[in-house]
Each structure stands twice: as C-alpha cells, then as structure tokens.
Amino acid sequence: MAAKSESYENMIKKLDDIVSSMENKELTLQETMKSYEQGIKLCNKLYKYLNEAEGKVKILSNEQEEDFLGNEE
C-alpha cells in the first residue's frame, strides 16, 4: 500500500487542504501548478491504496464464500 507513515485519512486531509487553498486564495500561476502537481500525486497514491484494499477485500470475500459453500456439502 502507500507509505506506511502516511494513512489514507492523512492523505485525504492533505488533498482537501490543497483544494481549499486553490479555491480560496489568490495564488500565482507557479503556486497553482505546484499545488495541482501535489494534488495529482496524492490522487495517484490514494487510487493505488484503494485498489490494493479492494483486492484484499475480494480475496477475503472469496475465501469466506468458499468456506461457506464448502461447509454446506
């Protein structure tokens, strides 16, 4: 998953802060581009984090389904 020291919630908070600063402050073009780049990097980390979590849930769900179906026989 994403860096161990960086939780999903922490990354969401950072992304929210970036969006808020872009919406509420008059930033220079350079500052806006830097914020945008940081936001895109965070989005990519979050996407990877969620994809990995989804994969684990699918694996666990399949195992539970197999256990359940296996006990019926």
Protein backbone atom coordinates (compact mmCIF):
# COMPACT_ATOMS: atom_id res chain seq x y z
CA MET A 1 0.00 0.00 0.00
CA ALA A 2 1.02 3.62 0.21
CA ALA A 3 3.83 4.68 2.51
CA LYS A 4 3.30 3.16 5.95
CA SER A 5 3.70 6.50 7.71
CA GLU A 6 1.03 8.12 5.56
CA SER A 7 -2.51 6.97 6.33
CA TYR A 8 -5.41 7.17 3.93
CA GLU A 9 -7.10 9.74 6.15
CA ASN A 10 -3.94 11.84 6.30
CA MET A 11 -3.62 11.86 2.52
CA ILE A 12 -7.29 12.84 2.12
CA LYS A 13 -6.76 15.72 4.57
CA LYS A 14 -3.72 16.94 2.61
CA LEU A 15 -5.68 16.75 -0.65
CA ASP A 16 -8.57 18.65 0.91
CA ASP A 17 -6.14 21.33 2.13
CA ILE A 18 -4.67 21.68 -1.37
CA VAL A 19 -8.12 22.03 -2.93
CA SER A 20 -9.17 24.58 -0.32
CA SER A 21 -6.05 26.67 -0.85
CA MET A 22 -6.59 26.65 -4.61
CA GLU A 23 -10.24 27.68 -4.21
CA ASN A 24 -9.83 30.32 -1.50
CA LYS A 25 -6.50 32.01 -2.11
CA GLU A 26 -5.11 34.10 -4.87
CA LEU A 27 -2.15 32.00 -5.94
CA THR A 28 0.37 32.76 -8.60
CA LEU A 29 0.39 30.52 -11.64
CA GLN A 30 3.54 28.84 -10.34
CA GLU A 31 1.95 28.19 -6.92
CA THR A 32 -1.20 26.87 -8.56
CA MET A 33 0.77 24.50 -10.78
CA LYS A 34 2.79 23.25 -7.80
CA SER A 35 -0.41 22.66 -5.80
CA TYR A 36 -2.00 20.89 -8.76
CA GLU A 37 1.02 18.62 -9.14
CA GLN A 38 0.94 17.75 -5.42
CA GLY A 39 -2.78 17.02 -5.68
CA ILE A 40 -2.29 14.71 -8.66
CA LYS A 41 0.46 12.81 -6.81
CA LEU A 42 -1.82 12.39 -3.80
CA CYS A 43 -4.70 11.24 -6.02
CA ASN A 44 -2.44 8.60 -7.56
CA LYS A 45 -1.35 7.37 -4.10
CA LEU A 46 -4.97 7.25 -2.94
CA TYR A 47 -6.04 5.38 -6.08
CA LYS A 48 -3.30 2.80 -5.54
CA TYR A 49 -4.21 2.49 -1.86
CA LEU A 50 -7.90 1.91 -2.67
CA ASN A 51 -7.13 -0.59 -5.46
CA GLU A 52 -4.95 -2.63 -3.11
CA ALA A 53 -7.60 -2.52 -0.39
CA GLU A 54 -10.27 -3.60 -2.89
CA GLY A 55 -8.08 -6.52 -3.95
CA LYS A 56 -7.71 -7.65 -0.34
CA VAL A 57 -11.47 -7.40 0.22
CA LYS A 58 -12.12 -9.51 -2.89
CA ILE A 59 -9.65 -12.15 -1.70
CA LEU A 60 -11.21 -12.24 1.76
CA SER A 61 -14.73 -12.36 0.29
CA ASN A 62 -13.80 -15.26 -1.98
CA GLU A 63 -12.25 -17.15 0.92
CA GLN A 64 -15.36 -16.61 3.06
CA GLU A 65 -17.59 -17.72 0.19
CA GLU A 66 -15.50 -20.86 -0.34
CA ASP A 67 -15.62 -21.63 3.39
CA PHE A 68 -19.39 -21.11 3.43
CA LEU A 69 -20.03 -23.21 0.34
CA GLY A 70 -17.59 -25.87 1.47
CA ASN A 71 -19.44 -26.32 4.75
CA GLU A 72 -22.75 -26.99 3.00
CA GLU A 73 -21.63 -30.28 1.47
